[in-house]
C-alpha cells in the first residue's frame, strides 16, 4: 500500500524534533510494508472514513482510499 503525505502532514512533521521525526518516519515505513496496514489503525469517532495511527504521544490522521493511504495530519494526543 502506498502512503501519500499531504502538505499539512509534511509541515506538521517538520515542526517536530528530529528524534520524533525519525520515529514517526520509521514507523510509517513499517506500516507501509505490511500487507494490511489498516489493521493497525483505529477509526476516528465522529468522522466518516478517517483513521489514526498511534506513535507514542502522537496521532497520525489518515484517509484510506483504495490502495493509497493519505496522511492528513500529525497531532499530539491532546490535540487530535
C-alpha atoms as a PDB file:
ATOM      1  CA  UNK A   1       0.000   0.000   0.000  1.00  0.00           C
ATOM      2  CA  UNK A   2       1.250   3.489  -0.811  1.00  0.00           C
ATOM      3  CA  UNK A   3       1.320   6.352   1.656  1.00  0.00           C
ATOM      4  CA  UNK A   4       0.959   9.932   0.420  1.00  0.00           C
ATOM      5  CA  UNK A   5       1.837  12.842   2.675  1.00  0.00           C
ATOM      6  CA  UNK A   6      -0.268  15.992   2.397  1.00  0.00           C
ATOM      7  CA  UNK A   7       1.393  19.393   2.721  1.00  0.00           C
ATOM      8  CA  UNK A   8      -0.155  19.825   6.154  1.00  0.00           C
ATOM      9  CA  UNK A   9       1.270  16.491   7.324  1.00  0.00           C
ATOM     10  CA  UNK A  10       4.707  17.347   5.921  1.00  0.00           C
ATOM     11  CA  UNK A  11       4.592  20.699   7.696  1.00  0.00           C
ATOM     12  CA  UNK A  12       3.493  19.011  10.941  1.00  0.00           C
ATOM     13  CA  UNK A  13       6.378  16.524  10.694  1.00  0.00           C
ATOM     14  CA  UNK A  14       8.977  19.223  10.004  1.00  0.00           C
ATOM     15  CA  UNK A  15       7.827  21.111  13.095  1.00  0.00           C
ATOM     16  CA  UNK A  16       8.757  18.234  15.391  1.00  0.00           C
ATOM     17  CA  UNK A  17      12.115  17.448  16.986  1.00  0.00           C
ATOM     18  CA  UNK A  18      14.433  15.268  14.880  1.00  0.00           C
ATOM     19  CA  UNK A  19      14.192  12.148  17.104  1.00  0.00           C
ATOM     20  CA  UNK A  20      10.376  12.286  16.915  1.00  0.00           C
ATOM     21  CA  UNK A  21      10.506  12.852  13.144  1.00  0.00           C
ATOM     22  CA  UNK A  22      12.723   9.793  12.760  1.00  0.00           C
ATOM     23  CA  UNK A  23      10.488   7.659  14.970  1.00  0.00           C
ATOM     24  CA  UNK A  24       7.345   8.611  13.034  1.00  0.00           C
ATOM     25  CA  UNK A  25       9.007   8.130   9.628  1.00  0.00           C
ATOM     26  CA  UNK A  26      10.420   4.734  10.648  1.00  0.00           C
ATOM     27  CA  UNK A  27       7.046   3.547  11.961  1.00  0.00           C
ATOM     28  CA  UNK A  28       5.186   4.795   8.865  1.00  0.00           C
ATOM     29  CA  UNK A  29       7.623   2.846   6.666  1.00  0.00           C
ATOM     30  CA  UNK A  30       6.897  -0.213   8.792  1.00  0.00           C
ATOM     31  CA  UNK A  31       3.122   0.274   8.389  1.00  0.00           C
ATOM     32  CA  UNK A  32       3.557   0.676   4.615  1.00  0.00           C
ATOM     33  CA  UNK A  33       5.488  -2.607   4.420  1.00  0.00           C
ATOM     34  CA  UNK A  34       2.628  -4.578   5.969  1.00  0.00           C
ATOM     35  CA  UNK A  35       0.082  -6.422   3.814  1.00  0.00           C
ATOM     36  CA  UNK A  36      -2.866  -4.828   5.589  1.00  0.00           C
ATOM     37  CA  UNK A  37      -1.683  -1.643   7.304  1.00  0.00           C
ATOM     38  CA  UNK A  38      -5.217  -0.618   8.301  1.00  0.00           C
ATOM     39  CA  UNK A  39      -5.350  -3.464  10.827  1.00  0.00           C
ATOM     40  CA  UNK A  40      -3.039  -1.327  12.991  1.00  0.00           C
ATOM     41  CA  UNK A  41      -5.212   1.807  12.663  1.00  0.00           C
ATOM     42  CA  UNK A  42      -8.191   2.826  14.774  1.00  0.00           C
ATOM     43  CA  UNK A  43     -11.219   4.580  13.261  1.00  0.00           C
ATOM     44  CA  UNK A  44     -11.708   8.147  14.439  1.00  0.00           C
ATOM     45  CA  UNK A  45     -15.008   8.600  16.224  1.00  0.00           C
ATOM     46  CA  UNK A  46     -17.303  11.245  14.819  1.00  0.00           C
ATOM     47  CA  UNK A  47     -15.654  11.200  11.391  1.00  0.00           C
ATOM     48  CA  UNK A  48     -16.505   9.408   8.202  1.00  0.00           C
ATOM     49  CA  UNK A  49     -13.672   7.245   6.891  1.00  0.00           C
ATOM     50  CA  UNK A  50     -10.782   8.749   8.870  1.00  0.00           C
ATOM     51  CA  UNK A  51      -8.420   6.573  10.884  1.00  0.00           C
ATOM     52  CA  UNK A  52      -5.455   7.152  13.156  1.00  0.00           C
ATOM     53  CA  UNK A  53      -2.182   5.513  13.967  1.00  0.00           C
ATOM     54  CA  UNK A  54      -0.732   5.961  17.428  1.00  0.00           C
ATOM     55  CA  UNK A  55       3.002   6.554  17.626  1.00  0.00           C
ATOM     56  CA  UNK A  56       3.949   7.479  21.168  1.00  0.00           C
ATOM     57  CA  UNK A  57       2.249  10.711  22.171  1.00  0.00           C
ATOM     58  CA  UNK A  58       1.388  11.483  18.541  1.00  0.00           C
ATOM     59  CA  UNK A  59      -1.571  10.571  16.386  1.00  0.00           C
ATOM     60  CA  UNK A  60      -1.236  10.228  12.617  1.00  0.00           C
ATOM     61  CA  UNK A  61      -4.571  11.037  10.963  1.00  0.00           C
ATOM     62  CA  UNK A  62      -5.067   9.066   7.739  1.00  0.00           C
ATOM     63  CA  UNK A  63      -7.644   8.650   4.985  1.00  0.00           C
ATOM     64  CA  UNK A  64      -7.576   5.300   3.166  1.00  0.00           C
ATOM     65  CA  UNK A  65      -8.665   5.350  -0.473  1.00  0.00           C
ATOM     66  CA  UNK A  66      -8.220   2.076  -2.326  1.00  0.00           C
ATOM     67  CA  UNK A  67      -4.512   1.225  -2.460  1.00  0.00           C
ATOM     68  CA  UNK A  68      -3.430   4.681  -1.266  1.00  0.00           C
ATOM     69  CA  UNK A  69      -3.459   5.989   2.281  1.00  0.00           C
ATOM     70  CA  UNK A  70      -3.270   9.769   2.592  1.00  0.00           C
ATOM     71  CA  UNK A  71      -1.535  11.056   5.688  1.00  0.00           C
ATOM     72  CA  UNK A  72      -3.505  14.162   6.577  1.00  0.00           C
ATOM     73  CA  UNK A  73      -2.110  15.463   9.878  1.00  0.00           C
ATOM     74  CA  UNK A  74       0.225  14.678  12.748  1.00  0.00           C
ATOM     75  CA  UNK A  75      -1.026  15.822  16.125  1.00  0.00           C
ATOM     76  CA  UNK A  76      -0.234  15.338  19.780  1.00  0.00           C
ATOM     77  CA  UNK A  77      -2.779  13.166  21.533  1.00  0.00           C
ATOM     78  CA  UNK A  78      -4.378  16.118  23.336  1.00  0.00           C
ATOM     79  CA  UNK A  79      -4.889  17.975  20.040  1.00  0.00           C
ATOM     80  CA  UNK A  80      -6.147  15.084  17.897  1.00  0.00           C
END
